[in-house]
Amino acid sequence: MLSGSNPKELTSNELLIQQHQQLTALGQIIANEKQILQQHDPQALLAISQEKNTQLIAIQQLDQKISQHQGFAQDKAAGKLTQQLAEITELLKSCQQKNLVNGQIIQQSQLAVERMKTSLLESHNKNAITYNSKGKKSAGLSSIGLKA
């Protein structure tokens, strides 16, 4: 062992390799999330959401570790990390884009559920359909137990 060195202290390059691996894993989790969203599997969605959250926490912790690393700023200023940082930036952009797509899938699913709910309400009791203050259809007085 080298005298005066901390065996737990990672180099800037090793930290970036870890960050690259974490973002690659996050990208795969987001891709899996998309498949699960398309399959409409609530149990699998819950599991993948927990996995995604755990990965995001790990990424945040590593990012904080990098920001506090003594040699990182020096290595970055010296231009030693340019290629790794560019790759990480591209991975991050890719994850963000995939996540936006998943968000759009979720919004479309919510709209489809809302349309189905409205359709069911209409077919259940055509005479009792009213509109709430936001302009959305809802069952009329019979849904709250009042009879006119």
C-alpha atoms as a PDB file:
ATOM      1  CA  MET A   1       0.000   0.000   0.000  1.00  0.00           C
ATOM      2  CA  LEU A   2       1.227   3.497  -0.768  1.00  0.00           C
ATOM      3  CA  SER A   3       1.947   5.605   2.265  1.00  0.00           C
ATOM      4  CA  GLY A   4      -0.287   8.616   2.739  1.00  0.00           C
ATOM      5  CA  SER A   5      -2.959   7.475   0.271  1.00  0.00           C
ATOM      6  CA  ASN A   6      -6.503   6.629   1.234  1.00  0.00           C
ATOM      7  CA  PRO A   7      -7.395   3.181  -0.175  1.00  0.00           C
ATOM      8  CA  LYS A   8     -11.101   4.156  -0.332  1.00  0.00           C
ATOM      9  CA  GLU A   9     -10.472   7.351  -2.307  1.00  0.00           C
ATOM     10  CA  LEU A  10     -11.346   6.812  -5.950  1.00  0.00           C
ATOM     11  CA  THR A  11      -9.723   8.766  -8.748  1.00  0.00           C
ATOM     12  CA  SER A  12     -11.744  11.225 -10.819  1.00  0.00           C
ATOM     13  CA  ASN A  13     -11.668   8.776 -13.710  1.00  0.00           C
ATOM     14  CA  GLU A  14     -12.952   5.905 -11.529  1.00  0.00           C
ATOM     15  CA  LEU A  15     -15.782   8.078 -10.240  1.00  0.00           C
ATOM     16  CA  LEU A  16     -16.787   8.949 -13.808  1.00  0.00           C
ATOM     17  CA  ILE A  17     -16.660   5.285 -14.799  1.00  0.00           C
ATOM     18  CA  GLN A  18     -19.061   4.569 -11.926  1.00  0.00           C
ATOM     19  CA  GLN A  19     -21.319   7.427 -13.005  1.00  0.00           C
ATOM     20  CA  HIS A  20     -21.310   6.140 -16.587  1.00  0.00           C
ATOM     21  CA  GLN A  21     -22.321   2.675 -15.357  1.00  0.00           C
ATOM     22  CA  GLN A  22     -25.103   4.110 -13.205  1.00  0.00           C
ATOM     23  CA  LEU A  23     -26.517   6.190 -16.057  1.00  0.00           C
ATOM     24  CA  THR A  24     -26.325   3.205 -18.406  1.00  0.00           C
ATOM     25  CA  ALA A  25     -28.261   1.159 -15.845  1.00  0.00           C
ATOM     26  CA  LEU A  26     -30.805   3.987 -15.473  1.00  0.00           C
ATOM     27  CA  GLY A  27     -31.274   4.076 -19.239  1.00  0.00           C
ATOM     28  CA  GLN A  28     -32.044   0.354 -19.212  1.00  0.00           C
ATOM     29  CA  ILE A  29     -34.473   0.760 -16.321  1.00  0.00           C
ATOM     30  CA  ILE A  30     -36.281   3.534 -18.222  1.00  0.00           C
ATOM     31  CA  ALA A  31     -36.431   1.335 -21.344  1.00  0.00           C
ATOM     32  CA  ASN A  32     -37.907  -1.489 -19.235  1.00  0.00           C
ATOM     33  CA  GLU A  33     -40.350   0.983 -17.718  1.00  0.00           C
ATOM     34  CA  LYS A  34     -41.557   1.902 -21.208  1.00  0.00           C
ATOM     35  CA  GLN A  35     -42.260  -1.745 -22.041  1.00  0.00           C
ATOM     36  CA  ILE A  36     -44.147  -2.173 -18.780  1.00  0.00           C
ATOM     37  CA  LEU A  37     -46.183   0.986 -19.443  1.00  0.00           C
ATOM     38  CA  GLN A  38     -47.113  -0.337 -22.878  1.00  0.00           C
ATOM     39  CA  GLN A  39     -48.138  -3.684 -21.363  1.00  0.00           C
ATOM     40  CA  HIS A  40     -50.296  -1.974 -18.690  1.00  0.00           C
ATOM     41  CA  ASP A  41     -48.878  -4.090 -15.852  1.00  0.00           C
ATOM     42  CA  PRO A  42     -49.415  -2.183 -12.570  1.00  0.00           C
ATOM     43  CA  GLN A  43     -47.468  -4.635 -10.366  1.00  0.00           C
ATOM     44  CA  ALA A  44     -44.422  -4.573 -12.631  1.00  0.00           C
ATOM     45  CA  LEU A  45     -44.731  -0.784 -12.885  1.00  0.00           C
ATOM     46  CA  LEU A  46     -44.579  -0.469  -9.115  1.00  0.00           C
ATOM     47  CA  ALA A  47     -41.467  -2.670  -8.960  1.00  0.00           C
ATOM     48  CA  ILE A  48     -39.681  -0.819 -11.770  1.00  0.00           C
ATOM     49  CA  SER A  49     -40.579   2.539 -10.190  1.00  0.00           C
ATOM     50  CA  GLN A  50     -38.927   1.454  -6.951  1.00  0.00           C
ATOM     51  CA  GLU A  51     -35.868   0.239  -8.868  1.00  0.00           C
ATOM     52  CA  LYS A  52     -35.715   3.533 -10.762  1.00  0.00           C
ATOM     53  CA  ASN A  53     -35.981   5.527  -7.537  1.00  0.00           C
ATOM     54  CA  THR A  54     -33.166   3.514  -5.943  1.00  0.00           C
ATOM     55  CA  GLN A  55     -30.973   4.093  -8.993  1.00  0.00           C
ATOM     56  CA  LEU A  56     -31.724   7.828  -8.996  1.00  0.00           C
ATOM     57  CA  ILE A  57     -30.727   8.060  -5.326  1.00  0.00           C
ATOM     58  CA  ALA A  58     -27.464   6.227  -6.043  1.00  0.00           C
ATOM     59  CA  ILE A  59     -26.757   8.601  -8.948  1.00  0.00           C
ATOM     60  CA  GLN A  60     -27.461  11.611  -6.742  1.00  0.00           C
ATOM     61  CA  GLN A  61     -25.160  10.306  -4.008  1.00  0.00           C
ATOM     62  CA  LEU A  62     -22.340   9.656  -6.466  1.00  0.00           C
ATOM     63  CA  ASP A  63     -22.834  13.084  -8.010  1.00  0.00           C
ATOM     64  CA  GLN A  64     -22.460  14.627  -4.557  1.00  0.00           C
ATOM     65  CA  LYS A  65     -19.335  12.541  -3.949  1.00  0.00           C
ATOM     66  CA  ILE A  66     -17.879  13.759  -7.253  1.00  0.00           C
ATOM     67  CA  SER A  67     -18.633  17.387  -6.394  1.00  0.00           C
ATOM     68  CA  GLN A  68     -16.762  17.003  -3.102  1.00  0.00           C
ATOM     69  CA  HIS A  69     -13.810  15.108  -4.598  1.00  0.00           C
ATOM     70  CA  GLN A  70     -10.620  17.115  -4.159  1.00  0.00           C
ATOM     71  CA  GLY A  71      -8.928  16.256  -7.440  1.00  0.00           C
ATOM     72  CA  PHE A  72     -11.994  16.287  -9.676  1.00  0.00           C
ATOM     73  CA  ALA A  73     -12.132  20.042 -10.249  1.00  0.00           C
ATOM     74  CA  GLN A  74      -8.413  20.096 -10.992  1.00  0.00           C
ATOM     75  CA  ASP A  75      -8.638  17.181 -13.420  1.00  0.00           C
ATOM     76  CA  LYS A  76     -11.628  18.774 -15.123  1.00  0.00           C
ATOM     77  CA  ALA A  77      -9.886  22.140 -15.425  1.00  0.00           C
ATOM     78  CA  ALA A  78      -6.818  20.410 -16.852  1.00  0.00           C
ATOM     79  CA  GLY A  79      -8.991  18.845 -19.566  1.00  0.00           C
ATOM     80  CA  LYS A  80      -8.276  15.273 -18.438  1.00  0.00           C
ATOM     81  CA  LEU A  81     -11.956  14.314 -18.229  1.00  0.00           C
ATOM     82  CA  THR A  82     -13.391  15.936 -21.343  1.00  0.00           C
ATOM     83  CA  GLN A  83     -14.250  12.747 -23.217  1.00  0.00           C
ATOM     84  CA  GLN A  84     -15.753  10.986 -20.198  1.00  0.00           C
ATOM     85  CA  LEU A  85     -17.827  14.042 -19.291  1.00  0.00           C
ATOM     86  CA  ALA A  86     -19.102  14.333 -22.880  1.00  0.00           C
ATOM     87  CA  GLU A  87     -20.184  10.670 -22.851  1.00  0.00           C
ATOM     88  CA  ILE A  88     -21.899  11.098 -19.489  1.00  0.00           C
ATOM     89  CA  THR A  89     -23.685  14.214 -20.728  1.00  0.00           C
ATOM     90  CA  GLU A  90     -24.976  12.282 -23.755  1.00  0.00           C
ATOM     91  CA  LEU A  91     -26.143   9.417 -21.528  1.00  0.00           C
ATOM     92  CA  LEU A  92     -27.931  11.863 -19.274  1.00  0.00           C
ATOM     93  CA  LYS A  93     -29.668  13.519 -22.245  1.00  0.00           C
ATOM     94  CA  SER A  94     -30.704  10.094 -23.529  1.00  0.00           C
ATOM     95  CA  CYS A  95     -32.170   9.157 -20.129  1.00  0.00           C
ATOM     96  CA  GLN A  96     -34.043  12.456 -19.955  1.00  0.00           C
ATOM     97  CA  GLN A  97     -35.481  11.965 -23.454  1.00  0.00           C
ATOM     98  CA  LYS A  98     -36.575   8.389 -22.707  1.00  0.00           C
ATOM     99  CA  ASN A  99     -38.145   9.585 -19.468  1.00  0.00           C
ATOM    100  CA  LEU A 100     -40.081  12.289 -21.344  1.00  0.00           C
ATOM    101  CA  VAL A 101     -41.443   9.634 -23.703  1.00  0.00           C
ATOM    102  CA  ASN A 102     -42.535   7.550 -20.712  1.00  0.00           C
ATOM    103  CA  GLY A 103     -44.236  10.620 -19.256  1.00  0.00           C
ATOM    104  CA  GLN A 104     -46.161  11.065 -22.501  1.00  0.00           C
ATOM    105  CA  ILE A 105     -47.214   7.407 -22.409  1.00  0.00           C
ATOM    106  CA  ILE A 106     -48.485   7.915 -18.857  1.00  0.00           C
ATOM    107  CA  GLN A 107     -50.439  11.027 -19.896  1.00  0.00           C
ATOM    108  CA  GLN A 108     -52.007   9.179 -22.826  1.00  0.00           C
ATOM    109  CA  SER A 109     -52.931   6.283 -20.532  1.00  0.00           C
ATOM    110  CA  GLN A 110     -54.561   8.672 -18.085  1.00  0.00           C
ATOM    111  CA  LEU A 111     -56.566  10.250 -20.905  1.00  0.00           C
ATOM    112  CA  ALA A 112     -57.675   6.819 -22.101  1.00  0.00           C
ATOM    113  CA  VAL A 113     -58.779   5.880 -18.580  1.00  0.00           C
ATOM    114  CA  GLU A 114     -60.679   9.159 -18.272  1.00  0.00           C
ATOM    115  CA  ARG A 115     -62.431   8.552 -21.608  1.00  0.00           C
ATOM    116  CA  MET A 116     -63.333   5.024 -20.552  1.00  0.00           C
ATOM    117  CA  LYS A 117     -64.672   6.296 -17.213  1.00  0.00           C
ATOM    118  CA  THR A 118     -66.803   8.875 -19.013  1.00  0.00           C
ATOM    119  CA  SER A 119     -68.089   6.263 -21.421  1.00  0.00           C
ATOM    120  CA  LEU A 120     -69.011   3.926 -18.576  1.00  0.00           C
ATOM    121  CA  LEU A 121     -70.761   6.722 -16.705  1.00  0.00           C
ATOM    122  CA  GLU A 122     -72.749   7.656 -19.787  1.00  0.00           C
ATOM    123  CA  SER A 123     -73.854   4.118 -20.473  1.00  0.00           C
ATOM    124  CA  HIS A 124     -74.650   3.503 -16.795  1.00  0.00           C
ATOM    125  CA  ASN A 125     -77.137   6.299 -16.467  1.00  0.00           C
ATOM    126  CA  LYS A 126     -77.606   8.581 -19.451  1.00  0.00           C
ATOM    127  CA  ASN A 127     -80.092  10.793 -17.627  1.00  0.00           C
ATOM    128  CA  ALA A 128     -77.868  11.434 -14.636  1.00  0.00           C
ATOM    129  CA  ILE A 129     -74.778  12.844 -16.381  1.00  0.00           C
ATOM    130  CA  THR A 130     -73.722  16.276 -15.167  1.00  0.00           C
ATOM    131  CA  TYR A 131     -70.606  18.371 -15.486  1.00  0.00           C
ATOM    132  CA  ASN A 132     -68.355  19.420 -12.631  1.00  0.00           C
ATOM    133  CA  SER A 133     -66.775  22.866 -12.198  1.00  0.00           C
ATOM    134  CA  LYS A 134     -63.895  21.848 -14.489  1.00  0.00           C
ATOM    135  CA  GLY A 135     -66.188  20.776 -17.312  1.00  0.00           C
ATOM    136  CA  LYS A 136     -65.645  17.056 -16.821  1.00  0.00           C
ATOM    137  CA  LYS A 137     -68.574  14.700 -16.957  1.00  0.00           C
ATOM    138  CA  SER A 138     -69.652  12.963 -13.779  1.00  0.00           C
ATOM    139  CA  ALA A 139     -72.644  11.011 -12.580  1.00  0.00           C
ATOM    140  CA  GLY A 140     -75.431  13.261 -11.444  1.00  0.00           C
ATOM    141  CA  LEU A 141     -77.283  13.473  -8.153  1.00  0.00           C
ATOM    142  CA  SER A 142     -77.825   9.722  -7.990  1.00  0.00           C
ATOM    143  CA  SER A 143     -74.075   9.253  -7.436  1.00  0.00           C
ATOM    144  CA  ILE A 144     -74.218  11.153  -4.154  1.00  0.00           C
ATOM    145  CA  GLY A 145     -77.423   9.587  -2.898  1.00  0.00           C
ATOM    146  CA  LEU A 146     -79.839  12.475  -3.607  1.00  0.00           C
ATOM    147  CA  LYS A 147     -83.018  12.009  -5.538  1.00  0.00           C
ATOM    148  CA  ALA A 148     -84.782  14.806  -7.298  1.00  0.00           C
END
